[in-house]
Amino acid sequence: MAMANPSSISSRRRAGRWLLGVAALLLGLLIVTQGAALRRKAEAGAAFGARVGCSCRYVAGRPLAQCRTDFEPGMKLVFLSDDDETRTVTARVPLLARQSATWREGMGCALEPWRD
């Protein structure tokens, strides 16, 4: 069995590190250029999820676990939780957005005010 040349192993490692550095740079550039748009989409998804989840839970009276079936395609990262005492459903997109909607008599489900 032939042994690998140490200088070829070293050059492959340098090439691998260089490619890793380029990939990290491209990922950083993507986050900087698309980060604001991604955050806005996450906020809209969380708001939609909170409103739909609140209506499902406190207007239709369905269990929260069934409310995900009312989501639009592409909302797999929106997670719901509820507070029966305050009749509030909170939707979260991990690390990006959070929004709550509360059911009130005569008003239905209203979103909490958005913060800029």
PDB file of N, CA and C in Angstrom:
ATOM      1  N   MET A   1       0.847  -1.165   0.000  1.00  0.00           N
ATOM      2  CA  MET A   1       0.000   0.000   0.000  1.00  0.00           C
ATOM      3  C   MET A   1       0.897   1.233   0.000  1.00  0.00           C
ATOM      4  N   ALA A   2       0.652   2.143  -0.917  1.00  0.00           N
ATOM      5  CA  ALA A   2       1.471   3.346  -1.061  1.00  0.00           C
ATOM      6  C   ALA A   2       1.037   4.398  -0.060  1.00  0.00           C
ATOM      7  N   MET A   3       2.009   5.102   0.479  1.00  0.00           N
ATOM      8  CA  MET A   3       1.718   6.175   1.432  1.00  0.00           C
ATOM      9  C   MET A   3       1.530   7.479   0.671  1.00  0.00           C
ATOM     10  N   ALA A   4       0.654   8.331   1.185  1.00  0.00           N
ATOM     11  CA  ALA A   4       0.400   9.624   0.542  1.00  0.00           C
ATOM     12  C   ALA A   4       1.587  10.555   0.784  1.00  0.00           C
ATOM     13  N   ASN A   5       1.842  11.385  -0.161  1.00  0.00           N
ATOM     14  CA  ASN A   5       2.907  12.370  -0.072  1.00  0.00           C
ATOM     15  C   ASN A   5       2.498  13.456   0.928  1.00  0.00           C
ATOM     16  N   PRO A   6       3.313  13.717   1.968  1.00  0.00           N
ATOM     17  CA  PRO A   6       2.952  14.724   2.977  1.00  0.00           C
ATOM     18  C   PRO A   6       2.717  16.109   2.388  1.00  0.00           C
ATOM     19  N   SER A   7       3.432  16.479   1.348  1.00  0.00           N
ATOM     20  CA  SER A   7       3.226  17.813   0.777  1.00  0.00           C
ATOM     21  C   SER A   7       1.886  17.901   0.048  1.00  0.00           C
ATOM     22  N   SER A   8       1.399  16.804  -0.534  1.00  0.00           N
ATOM     23  CA  SER A   8       0.084  16.849  -1.200  1.00  0.00           C
ATOM     24  C   SER A   8      -1.037  16.905  -0.169  1.00  0.00           C
ATOM     25  N   ILE A   9      -0.847  16.255   0.979  1.00  0.00           N
ATOM     26  CA  ILE A   9      -1.842  16.328   2.052  1.00  0.00           C
ATOM     27  C   ILE A   9      -1.923  17.755   2.574  1.00  0.00           C
ATOM     28  N   SER A  10      -0.766  18.384   2.779  1.00  0.00           N
ATOM     29  CA  SER A  10      -0.721  19.756   3.274  1.00  0.00           C
ATOM     30  C   SER A  10      -1.390  20.719   2.293  1.00  0.00           C
ATOM     31  N   SER A  11      -1.160  20.556   1.005  1.00  0.00           N
ATOM     32  CA  SER A  11      -1.770  21.454   0.015  1.00  0.00           C
ATOM     33  C   SER A  11      -3.280  21.230  -0.060  1.00  0.00           C
ATOM     34  N   ARG A  12      -3.729  19.988   0.136  1.00  0.00           N
ATOM     35  CA  ARG A  12      -5.181  19.734   0.158  1.00  0.00           C
ATOM     36  C   ARG A  12      -5.817  20.380   1.378  1.00  0.00           C
ATOM     37  N   ARG A  13      -5.125  20.360   2.492  1.00  0.00           N
ATOM     38  CA  ARG A  13      -5.656  21.008   3.705  1.00  0.00           C
ATOM     39  C   ARG A  13      -5.756  22.520   3.504  1.00  0.00           C
ATOM     40  N   ARG A  14      -4.719  23.115   2.897  1.00  0.00           N
ATOM     41  CA  ARG A  14      -4.762  24.558   2.623  1.00  0.00           C
ATOM     42  C   ARG A  14      -5.915  24.885   1.684  1.00  0.00           C
ATOM     43  N   ALA A  15      -6.102  24.066   0.662  1.00  0.00           N
ATOM     44  CA  ALA A  15      -7.196  24.298  -0.289  1.00  0.00           C
ATOM     45  C   ALA A  15      -8.543  24.160   0.417  1.00  0.00           C
ATOM     46  N   GLY A  16      -8.655  23.177   1.306  1.00  0.00           N
ATOM     47  CA  GLY A  16      -9.895  22.992   2.062  1.00  0.00           C
ATOM     48  C   GLY A  16     -10.183  24.178   2.966  1.00  0.00           C
ATOM     49  N   ARG A  17      -9.160  24.690   3.633  1.00  0.00           N
ATOM     50  CA  ARG A  17      -9.333  25.866   4.495  1.00  0.00           C
ATOM     51  C   ARG A  17      -9.722  27.089   3.671  1.00  0.00           C
ATOM     52  N   TRP A  18      -9.089  27.226   2.504  1.00  0.00           N
ATOM     53  CA  TRP A  18      -9.400  28.353   1.626  1.00  0.00           C
ATOM     54  C   TRP A  18     -10.863  28.279   1.170  1.00  0.00           C
ATOM     55  N   LEU A  19     -11.318  27.084   0.777  1.00  0.00           N
ATOM     56  CA  LEU A  19     -12.711  26.921   0.359  1.00  0.00           C
ATOM     57  C   LEU A  19     -13.671  27.174   1.514  1.00  0.00           C
ATOM     58  N   LEU A  20     -13.315  26.726   2.707  1.00  0.00           N
ATOM     59  CA  LEU A  20     -14.131  26.977   3.886  1.00  0.00           C
ATOM     60  C   LEU A  20     -14.228  28.476   4.166  1.00  0.00           C
ATOM     61  N   GLY A  21     -13.116  29.183   4.030  1.00  0.00           N
ATOM     62  CA  GLY A  21     -13.113  30.636   4.229  1.00  0.00           C
ATOM     63  C   GLY A  21     -13.987  31.352   3.215  1.00  0.00           C
ATOM     64  N   VAL A  22     -13.906  30.932   1.952  1.00  0.00           N
ATOM     65  CA  VAL A  22     -14.746  31.529   0.905  1.00  0.00           C
ATOM     66  C   VAL A  22     -16.217  31.250   1.191  1.00  0.00           C
ATOM     67  N   ALA A  23     -16.539  30.019   1.608  1.00  0.00           N
ATOM     68  CA  ALA A  23     -17.926  29.671   1.925  1.00  0.00           C
ATOM     69  C   ALA A  23     -18.439  30.515   3.090  1.00  0.00           C
ATOM     70  N   ALA A  24     -17.619  30.712   4.121  1.00  0.00           N
ATOM     71  CA  ALA A  24     -18.016  31.535   5.267  1.00  0.00           C
ATOM     72  C   ALA A  24     -18.240  32.980   4.845  1.00  0.00           C
ATOM     73  N   LEU A  25     -17.369  33.481   3.975  1.00  0.00           N
ATOM     74  CA  LEU A  25     -17.520  34.844   3.474  1.00  0.00           C
ATOM     75  C   LEU A  25     -18.817  34.992   2.678  1.00  0.00           C
ATOM     76  N   LEU A  26     -19.111  34.030   1.830  1.00  0.00           N
ATOM     77  CA  LEU A  26     -20.350  34.079   1.044  1.00  0.00           C
ATOM     78  C   LEU A  26     -21.585  33.979   1.937  1.00  0.00           C
ATOM     79  N   LEU A  27     -21.528  33.129   2.957  1.00  0.00           N
ATOM     80  CA  LEU A  27     -22.638  33.017   3.896  1.00  0.00           C
ATOM     81  C   LEU A  27     -22.846  34.331   4.642  1.00  0.00           C
ATOM     82  N   GLY A  28     -21.762  34.947   5.081  1.00  0.00           N
ATOM     83  CA  GLY A  28     -21.863  36.240   5.748  1.00  0.00           C
ATOM     84  C   GLY A  28     -22.459  37.300   4.847  1.00  0.00           C
ATOM     85  N   LEU A  29     -22.036  37.326   3.601  1.00  0.00           N
ATOM     86  CA  LEU A  29     -22.575  38.270   2.629  1.00  0.00           C
ATOM     87  C   LEU A  29     -24.066  38.034   2.403  1.00  0.00           C
ATOM     88  N   LEU A  30     -24.469  36.782   2.323  1.00  0.00           N
ATOM     89  CA  LEU A  30     -25.880  36.443   2.152  1.00  0.00           C
ATOM     90  C   LEU A  30     -26.709  36.918   3.339  1.00  0.00           C
ATOM     91  N   ILE A  31     -26.194  36.716   4.548  1.00  0.00           N
ATOM     92  CA  ILE A  31     -26.907  37.142   5.754  1.00  0.00           C
ATOM     93  C   ILE A  31     -27.050  38.663   5.784  1.00  0.00           C
ATOM     94  N   VAL A  32     -25.977  39.369   5.442  1.00  0.00           N
ATOM     95  CA  VAL A  32     -26.019  40.839   5.451  1.00  0.00           C
ATOM     96  C   VAL A  32     -27.008  41.354   4.411  1.00  0.00           C
ATOM     97  N   THR A  33     -26.978  40.798   3.207  1.00  0.00           N
ATOM     98  CA  THR A  33     -27.835  41.318   2.132  1.00  0.00           C
ATOM     99  C   THR A  33     -29.275  40.848   2.252  1.00  0.00           C
ATOM    100  N   GLN A  34     -29.490  39.652   2.768  1.00  0.00           N
ATOM    101  CA  GLN A  34     -30.846  39.106   2.836  1.00  0.00           C
ATOM    102  C   GLN A  34     -31.420  39.090   4.252  1.00  0.00           C
ATOM    103  N   GLY A  35     -30.629  39.474   5.234  1.00  0.00           N
ATOM    104  CA  GLY A  35     -31.065  39.400   6.626  1.00  0.00           C
ATOM    105  C   GLY A  35     -32.317  40.203   6.918  1.00  0.00           C
ATOM    106  N   ALA A  36     -32.386  41.437   6.416  1.00  0.00           N
ATOM    107  CA  ALA A  36     -33.553  42.286   6.680  1.00  0.00           C
ATOM    108  C   ALA A  36     -34.792  41.701   6.022  1.00  0.00           C
ATOM    109  N   ALA A  37     -34.666  41.225   4.810  1.00  0.00           N
ATOM    110  CA  ALA A  37     -35.813  40.631   4.115  1.00  0.00           C
ATOM    111  C   ALA A  37     -36.267  39.355   4.828  1.00  0.00           C
ATOM    112  N   LEU A  38     -35.321  38.549   5.281  1.00  0.00           N
ATOM    113  CA  LEU A  38     -35.652  37.324   5.999  1.00  0.00           C
ATOM    114  C   LEU A  38     -36.369  37.641   7.303  1.00  0.00           C
ATOM    115  N   ARG A  39     -35.898  38.664   8.000  1.00  0.00           N
ATOM    116  CA  ARG A  39     -36.535  39.051   9.263  1.00  0.00           C
ATOM    117  C   ARG A  39     -37.969  39.558   9.027  1.00  0.00           C
ATOM    118  N   ARG A  40     -38.173  40.342   7.969  1.00  0.00           N
ATOM    119  CA  ARG A  40     -39.526  40.829   7.657  1.00  0.00           C
ATOM    120  C   ARG A  40     -40.464  39.664   7.329  1.00  0.00           C
ATOM    121  N   LYS A  41     -39.970  38.697   6.580  1.00  0.00           N
ATOM    122  CA  LYS A  41     -40.793  37.515   6.266  1.00  0.00           C
ATOM    123  C   LYS A  41     -41.106  36.728   7.524  1.00  0.00           C
ATOM    124  N   ALA A  42     -40.132  36.602   8.415  1.00  0.00           N
ATOM    125  CA  ALA A  42     -40.354  35.888   9.671  1.00  0.00           C
ATOM    126  C   ALA A  42     -41.383  36.617  10.529  1.00  0.00           C
ATOM    127  N   GLU A  43     -41.318  37.948  10.574  1.00  0.00           N
ATOM    128  CA  GLU A  43     -42.286  38.728  11.350  1.00  0.00           C
ATOM    129  C   GLU A  43     -43.695  38.576  10.774  1.00  0.00           C
ATOM    130  N   ALA A  44     -43.804  38.613   9.449  1.00  0.00           N
ATOM    131  CA  ALA A  44     -45.116  38.436   8.815  1.00  0.00           C
ATOM    132  C   ALA A  44     -45.641  37.030   9.066  1.00  0.00           C
ATOM    133  N   GLY A  45     -44.770  36.033   8.983  1.00  0.00           N
ATOM    134  CA  GLY A  45     -45.185  34.656   9.250  1.00  0.00           C
ATOM    135  C   GLY A  45     -45.629  34.460  10.681  1.00  0.00           C
ATOM    136  N   ALA A  46     -44.919  35.078  11.622  1.00  0.00           N
ATOM    137  CA  ALA A  46     -45.296  34.971  13.033  1.00  0.00           C
ATOM    138  C   ALA A  46     -46.628  35.669  13.288  1.00  0.00           C
ATOM    139  N   ALA A  47     -46.829  36.827  12.675  1.00  0.00           N
ATOM    140  CA  ALA A  47     -48.101  37.546  12.842  1.00  0.00           C
ATOM    141  C   ALA A  47     -49.260  36.730  12.270  1.00  0.00           C
ATOM    142  N   PHE A  48     -49.072  36.184  11.071  1.00  0.00           N
ATOM    143  CA  PHE A  48     -50.105  35.354  10.460  1.00  0.00           C
ATOM    144  C   PHE A  48     -50.380  34.130  11.326  1.00  0.00           C
ATOM    145  N   GLY A  49     -49.316  33.486  11.803  1.00  0.00           N
ATOM    146  CA  GLY A  49     -49.482  32.305  12.644  1.00  0.00           C
ATOM    147  C   GLY A  49     -50.213  32.606  13.933  1.00  0.00           C
ATOM    148  N   ALA A  50     -49.897  33.732  14.571  1.00  0.00           N
ATOM    149  CA  ALA A  50     -50.559  34.111  15.817  1.00  0.00           C
ATOM    150  C   ALA A  50     -52.038  34.375  15.583  1.00  0.00           C
ATOM    151  N   ARG A  51     -52.352  35.093  14.531  1.00  0.00           N
ATOM    152  CA  ARG A  51     -53.753  35.424  14.225  1.00  0.00           C
ATOM    153  C   ARG A  51     -54.554  34.180  13.873  1.00  0.00           C
ATOM    154  N   VAL A  52     -54.000  33.342  13.013  1.00  0.00           N
ATOM    155  CA  VAL A  52     -54.688  32.100  12.621  1.00  0.00           C
ATOM    156  C   VAL A  52     -54.808  31.163  13.821  1.00  0.00           C
ATOM    157  N   GLY A  53     -53.728  31.038  14.595  1.00  0.00           N
ATOM    158  CA  GLY A  53     -53.770  30.172  15.775  1.00  0.00           C
ATOM    159  C   GLY A  53     -54.773  30.640  16.802  1.00  0.00           C
ATOM    160  N   CYS A  54     -54.868  31.948  17.011  1.00  0.00           N
ATOM    161  CA  CYS A  54     -55.836  32.501  17.959  1.00  0.00           C
ATOM    162  C   CYS A  54     -57.264  32.229  17.500  1.00  0.00           C
ATOM    163  N   SER A  55     -57.531  32.453  16.235  1.00  0.00           N
ATOM    164  CA  SER A  55     -58.878  32.207  15.704  1.00  0.00           C
ATOM    165  C   SER A  55     -59.230  30.724  15.791  1.00  0.00           C
ATOM    166  N   CYS A  56     -58.285  29.884  15.445  1.00  0.00           N
ATOM    167  CA  CYS A  56     -58.498  28.441  15.507  1.00  0.00           C
ATOM    168  C   CYS A  56     -58.789  28.004  16.942  1.00  0.00           C
ATOM    169  N   ARG A  57     -57.969  28.488  17.867  1.00  0.00           N
ATOM    170  CA  ARG A  57     -58.063  28.046  19.267  1.00  0.00           C
ATOM    171  C   ARG A  57     -59.244  28.660  20.012  1.00  0.00           C
ATOM    172  N   TYR A  58     -59.428  29.991  19.913  1.00  0.00           N
ATOM    173  CA  TYR A  58     -60.401  30.658  20.775  1.00  0.00           C
ATOM    174  C   TYR A  58     -61.688  31.061  20.076  1.00  0.00           C
ATOM    175  N   VAL A  59     -61.739  31.049  18.763  1.00  0.00           N
ATOM    176  CA  VAL A  59     -62.993  31.304  18.047  1.00  0.00           C
ATOM    177  C   VAL A  59     -63.620  29.973  17.658  1.00  0.00           C
ATOM    178  N   ALA A  60     -62.831  29.108  17.000  1.00  0.00           N
ATOM    179  CA  ALA A  60     -63.346  27.809  16.571  1.00  0.00           C
ATOM    180  C   ALA A  60     -63.321  26.771  17.688  1.00  0.00           C
ATOM    181  N   GLY A  61     -62.527  27.000  18.740  1.00  0.00           N
ATOM    182  CA  GLY A  61     -62.483  26.087  19.876  1.00  0.00           C
ATOM    183  C   GLY A  61     -61.726  24.794  19.614  1.00  0.00           C
ATOM    184  N   ARG A  62     -60.833  24.803  18.622  1.00  0.00           N
ATOM    185  CA  ARG A  62     -60.060  23.603  18.303  1.00  0.00           C
ATOM    186  C   ARG A  62     -58.804  23.536  19.156  1.00  0.00           C
ATOM    187  N   PRO A  63     -58.263  22.329  19.360  1.00  0.00           N
ATOM    188  CA  PRO A  63     -56.987  22.212  20.083  1.00  0.00           C
ATOM    189  C   PRO A  63     -55.865  22.884  19.292  1.00  0.00           C
ATOM    190  N   LEU A  64     -54.916  23.470  19.997  1.00  0.00           N
ATOM    191  CA  LEU A  64     -53.821  24.190  19.346  1.00  0.00           C
ATOM    192  C   LEU A  64     -53.045  23.290  18.382  1.00  0.00           C
ATOM    193  N   ALA A  65     -52.924  22.012  18.706  1.00  0.00           N
ATOM    194  CA  ALA A  65     -52.179  21.084  17.843  1.00  0.00           C
ATOM    195  C   ALA A  65     -52.813  20.979  16.452  1.00  0.00           C
ATOM    196  N   GLN A  66     -54.104  21.204  16.334  1.00  0.00           N
ATOM    197  CA  GLN A  66     -54.780  21.146  15.029  1.00  0.00           C
ATOM    198  C   GLN A  66     -54.645  22.440  14.240  1.00  0.00           C
ATOM    199  N   CYS A  67     -54.253  23.516  14.865  1.00  0.00           N
ATOM    200  CA  CYS A  67     -54.225  24.825  14.220  1.00  0.00           C
ATOM    201  C   CYS A  67     -53.158  24.936  13.137  1.00  0.00           C
ATOM    202  N   ARG A  68     -52.116  24.144  13.210  1.00  0.00           N
ATOM    203  CA  ARG A  68     -51.072  24.176  12.176  1.00  0.00           C
ATOM    204  C   ARG A  68     -51.621  23.764  10.820  1.00  0.00           C
ATOM    205  N   THR A  69     -52.704  23.003  10.808  1.00  0.00           N
ATOM    206  CA  THR A  69     -53.281  22.589   9.518  1.00  0.00           C
ATOM    207  C   THR A  69     -53.861  23.783   8.758  1.00  0.00           C
ATOM    208  N   ASP A  70     -54.070  24.897   9.426  1.00  0.00           N
ATOM    209  CA  ASP A  70     -54.592  26.104   8.776  1.00  0.00           C
ATOM    210  C   ASP A  70     -53.487  26.984   8.191  1.00  0.00           C
ATOM    211  N   PHE A  71     -52.242  26.628   8.441  1.00  0.00           N
ATOM    212  CA  PHE A  71     -51.115  27.426   7.941  1.00  0.00           C
ATOM    213  C   PHE A  71     -50.972  27.287   6.432  1.00  0.00           C
ATOM    214  N   GLU A  72     -50.369  28.290   5.847  1.00  0.00           N
ATOM    215  CA  GLU A  72     -50.022  28.271   4.426  1.00  0.00           C
ATOM    216  C   GLU A  72     -48.752  27.446   4.225  1.00  0.00           C
ATOM    217  N   PRO A  73     -48.514  26.964   3.013  1.00  0.00           N
ATOM    218  CA  PRO A  73     -47.251  26.259   2.750  1.00  0.00           C
ATOM    219  C   PRO A  73     -46.056  27.175   3.052  1.00  0.00           C
ATOM    220  N   GLY A  74     -44.986  26.589   3.544  1.00  0.00           N
ATOM    221  CA  GLY A  74     -43.786  27.359   3.844  1.00  0.00           C
ATOM    222  C   GLY A  74     -43.723  27.887   5.264  1.00  0.00           C
ATOM    223  N   MET A  75     -44.646  27.482   6.114  1.00  0.00           N
ATOM    224  CA  MET A  75     -44.675  27.997   7.493  1.00  0.00           C
ATOM    225  C   MET A  75     -44.207  26.947   8.509  1.00  0.00           C
ATOM    226  N   LYS A  76     -43.344  26.043   8.082  1.00  0.00           N
ATOM    227  CA  LYS A  76     -42.891  24.968   8.971  1.00  0.00           C
ATOM    228  C   LYS A  76     -42.077  25.482  10.154  1.00  0.00           C
ATOM    229  N   LEU A  77     -41.462  26.647  10.028  1.00  0.00           N
ATOM    230  CA  LEU A  77     -40.642  27.186  11.112  1.00  0.00           C
ATOM    231  C   LEU A  77     -41.429  28.051  12.091  1.00  0.00           C
ATOM    232  N   VAL A  78     -42.742  28.157  11.901  1.00  0.00           N
ATOM    233  CA  VAL A  78     -43.583  28.925  12.824  1.00  0.00           C
ATOM    234  C   VAL A  78     -44.136  27.958  13.868  1.00  0.00           C
ATOM    235  N   PHE A  79     -43.835  28.245  15.141  1.00  0.00           N
ATOM    236  CA  PHE A  79     -44.259  27.396  16.240  1.00  0.00           C
ATOM    237  C   PHE A  79     -45.252  28.165  17.119  1.00  0.00           C
ATOM    238  N   LEU A  80     -46.284  27.471  17.594  1.00  0.00           N
ATOM    239  CA  LEU A  80     -47.348  28.098  18.383  1.00  0.00           C
ATOM    240  C   LEU A  80     -47.332  27.644  19.831  1.00  0.00           C
ATOM    241  N   SER A  81     -47.736  28.568  20.711  1.00  0.00           N
ATOM    242  CA  SER A  81     -48.008  28.246  22.107  1.00  0.00           C
ATOM    243  C   SER A  81     -49.207  29.090  22.515  1.00  0.00           C
ATOM    244  N   ASP A  82     -49.924  28.639  23.554  1.00  0.00           N
ATOM    245  CA  ASP A  82     -51.098  29.413  23.978  1.00  0.00           C
ATOM    246  C   ASP A  82     -51.138  29.568  25.484  1.00  0.00           C
ATOM    247  N   ASP A  83     -51.888  30.571  25.899  1.00  0.00           N
ATOM    248  CA  ASP A  83     -52.107  30.864  27.305  1.00  0.00           C
ATOM    249  C   ASP A  83     -53.620  30.955  27.490  1.00  0.00           C
ATOM    250  N   ASP A  84     -54.203  29.898  28.056  1.00  0.00           N
ATOM    251  CA  ASP A  84     -55.660  29.856  28.220  1.00  0.00           C
ATOM    252  C   ASP A  84     -56.177  30.959  29.133  1.00  0.00           C
ATOM    253  N   GLU A  85     -55.392  31.340  30.129  1.00  0.00           N
ATOM    254  CA  GLU A  85     -55.828  32.359  31.078  1.00  0.00           C
ATOM    255  C   GLU A  85     -56.060  33.705  30.391  1.00  0.00           C
ATOM    256  N   THR A  86     -55.146  34.101  29.508  1.00  0.00           N
ATOM    257  CA  THR A  86     -55.276  35.386  28.820  1.00  0.00           C
ATOM    258  C   THR A  86     -55.875  35.248  27.422  1.00  0.00           C
ATOM    259  N   ARG A  87     -56.133  33.996  26.996  1.00  0.00           N
ATOM    260  CA  ARG A  87     -56.649  33.692  25.653  1.00  0.00           C
ATOM    261  C   ARG A  87     -55.751  34.286  24.572  1.00  0.00           C
ATOM    262  N   THR A  88     -54.468  34.000  24.723  1.00  0.00           N
ATOM    263  CA  THR A  88     -53.446  34.512  23.816  1.00  0.00           C
ATOM    264  C   THR A  88     -52.711  33.362  23.154  1.00  0.00           C
ATOM    265  N   VAL A  89     -52.482  33.500  21.857  1.00  0.00           N
ATOM    266  CA  VAL A  89     -51.635  32.557  21.117  1.00  0.00           C
ATOM    267  C   VAL A  89     -50.403  33.319  20.667  1.00  0.00           C
ATOM    268  N   THR A  90     -49.243  32.734  20.915  1.00  0.00           N
ATOM    269  CA  THR A  90     -47.974  33.329  20.497  1.00  0.00           C
ATOM    270  C   THR A  90     -47.349  32.437  19.437  1.00  0.00           C
ATOM    271  N   ALA A  91     -46.916  33.069  18.349  1.00  0.00           N
ATOM    272  CA  ALA A  91     -46.223  32.362  17.271  1.00  0.00           C
ATOM    273  C   ALA A  91     -44.777  32.828  17.251  1.00  0.00           C
ATOM    274  N   ARG A  92     -43.861  31.884  17.050  1.00  0.00           N
ATOM    275  CA  ARG A  92     -42.433  32.206  17.031  1.00  0.00           C
ATOM    276  C   ARG A  92     -41.762  31.583  15.818  1.00  0.00           C
ATOM    277  N   VAL A  93     -40.854  32.341  15.250  1.00  0.00           N
ATOM    278  CA  VAL A  93     -39.898  31.833  14.274  1.00  0.00           C
ATOM    279  C   VAL A  93     -38.574  31.918  15.006  1.00  0.00           C
ATOM    280  N   PRO A  94     -37.976  30.772  15.361  1.00  0.00           N
ATOM    281  CA  PRO A  94     -36.792  30.793  16.223  1.00  0.00           C
ATOM    282  C   PRO A  94     -35.716  31.781  15.763  1.00  0.00           C
ATOM    283  N   LEU A  95     -35.250  32.561  16.723  1.00  0.00           N
ATOM    284  CA  LEU A  95     -34.172  33.546  16.570  1.00  0.00           C
ATOM    285  C   LEU A  95     -34.529  34.751  15.702  1.00  0.00           C
ATOM    286  N   LEU A  96     -35.724  34.789  15.122  1.00  0.00           N
ATOM    287  CA  LEU A  96     -36.049  35.868  14.198  1.00  0.00           C
ATOM    288  C   LEU A  96     -37.260  36.702  14.587  1.00  0.00           C
ATOM    289  N   ALA A  97     -38.345  36.069  15.027  1.00  0.00           N
ATOM    290  CA  ALA A  97     -39.574  36.842  15.234  1.00  0.00           C
ATOM    291  C   ALA A  97     -40.487  36.173  16.253  1.00  0.00           C
ATOM    292  N   ARG A  98     -41.328  37.005  16.849  1.00  0.00           N
ATOM    293  CA  ARG A  98     -42.333  36.559  17.814  1.00  0.00           C
ATOM    294  C   ARG A  98     -43.518  37.509  17.704  1.00  0.00           C
ATOM    295  N   GLN A  99     -44.723  36.955  17.722  1.00  0.00           N
ATOM    296  CA  GLN A  99     -45.922  37.790  17.670  1.00  0.00           C
ATOM    297  C   GLN A  99     -47.031  37.075  18.428  1.00  0.00           C
ATOM    298  N   SER A 100     -47.880  37.848  19.118  1.00  0.00           N
ATOM    299  CA  SER A 100     -49.000  37.279  19.865  1.00  0.00           C
ATOM    300  C   SER A 100     -50.310  37.898  19.401  1.00  0.00           C
ATOM    301  N   ALA A 101     -51.372  37.109  19.509  1.00  0.00           N
ATOM    302  CA  ALA A 101     -52.730  37.585  19.239  1.00  0.00           C
ATOM    303  C   ALA A 101     -53.600  37.150  20.408  1.00  0.00           C
ATOM    304  N   THR A 102     -54.452  38.064  20.864  1.00  0.00           N
ATOM    305  CA  THR A 102     -55.310  37.814  22.022  1.00  0.00           C
ATOM    306  C   THR A 102     -56.766  37.944  21.623  1.00  0.00           C
ATOM    307  N   TRP A 103     -57.587  36.987  22.083  1.00  0.00           N
ATOM    308  CA  TRP A 103     -59.020  37.040  21.820  1.00  0.00           C
ATOM    309  C   TRP A 103     -59.679  37.924  22.867  1.00  0.00           C
ATOM    310  N   ARG A 104     -60.502  38.863  22.381  1.00  0.00           N
ATOM    311  CA  ARG A 104     -61.258  39.754  23.268  1.00  0.00           C
ATOM    312  C   ARG A 104     -62.715  39.770  22.815  1.00  0.00           C
ATOM    313  N   GLU A 105     -63.600  39.743  23.763  1.00  0.00           N
ATOM    314  CA  GLU A 105     -65.044  39.776  23.477  1.00  0.00           C
ATOM    315  C   GLU A 105     -65.377  40.987  22.623  1.00  0.00           C
ATOM    316  N   GLY A 106     -66.082  40.766  21.535  1.00  0.00           N
ATOM    317  CA  GLY A 106     -66.496  41.848  20.652  1.00  0.00           C
ATOM    318  C   GLY A 106     -65.451  42.275  19.640  1.00  0.00           C
ATOM    319  N   MET A 107     -64.193  41.880  19.844  1.00  0.00           N
ATOM    320  CA  MET A 107     -63.118  42.254  18.924  1.00  0.00           C
ATOM    321  C   MET A 107     -62.543  41.062  18.176  1.00  0.00           C
ATOM    322  N   GLY A 108     -62.739  39.881  18.700  1.00  0.00           N
ATOM    323  CA  GLY A 108     -62.106  38.712  18.097  1.00  0.00           C
ATOM    324  C   GLY A 108     -60.638  38.655  18.478  1.00  0.00           C
ATOM    325  N   CYS A 109     -59.824  38.143  17.594  1.00  0.00           N
ATOM    326  CA  CYS A 109     -58.389  38.008  17.841  1.00  0.00           C
ATOM    327  C   CYS A 109     -57.648  39.214  17.289  1.00  0.00           C
ATOM    328  N   ALA A 110     -56.955  39.919  18.152  1.00  0.00           N
ATOM    329  CA  ALA A 110     -56.204  41.108  17.745  1.00  0.00           C
ATOM    330  C   ALA A 110     -54.725  40.894  18.034  1.00  0.00           C
ATOM    331  N   LEU A 111     -53.888  41.275  17.075  1.00  0.00           N
ATOM    332  CA  LEU A 111     -52.445  41.183  17.255  1.00  0.00           C
ATOM    333  C   LEU A 111     -51.959  42.234  18.241  1.00  0.00           C
ATOM    334  N   GLU A 112     -50.904  41.904  18.978  1.00  0.00           N
ATOM    335  CA  GLU A 112     -50.275  42.923  19.812  1.00  0.00           C
ATOM    336  C   GLU A 112     -49.644  43.948  18.888  1.00  0.00           C
ATOM    337  N   PRO A 113     -49.491  45.175  19.331  1.00  0.00           N
ATOM    338  CA  PRO A 113     -48.880  46.201  18.467  1.00  0.00           C
ATOM    339  C   PRO A 113     -47.467  45.810  18.047  1.00  0.00           C
ATOM    340  N   TRP A 114     -47.122  46.119  16.806  1.00  0.00           N
ATOM    341  CA  TRP A 114     -45.786  45.836  16.295  1.00  0.00           C
ATOM    342  C   TRP A 114     -44.818  46.874  16.827  1.00  0.00           C
ATOM    343  N   ARG A 115     -43.594  46.411  17.123  1.00  0.00           N
ATOM    344  CA  ARG A 115     -42.532  47.305  17.560  1.00  0.00           C
ATOM    345  C   ARG A 115     -41.571  47.485  16.409  1.00  0.00           C
ATOM    346  N   ASP A 116     -41.111  48.701  16.224  1.00  0.00           N
ATOM    347  CA  ASP A 116     -40.123  48.966  15.158  1.00  0.00           C
ATOM    348  C   ASP A 116     -38.730  48.784  15.667  1.00  0.00           C
TER     349      ASP A 116
END
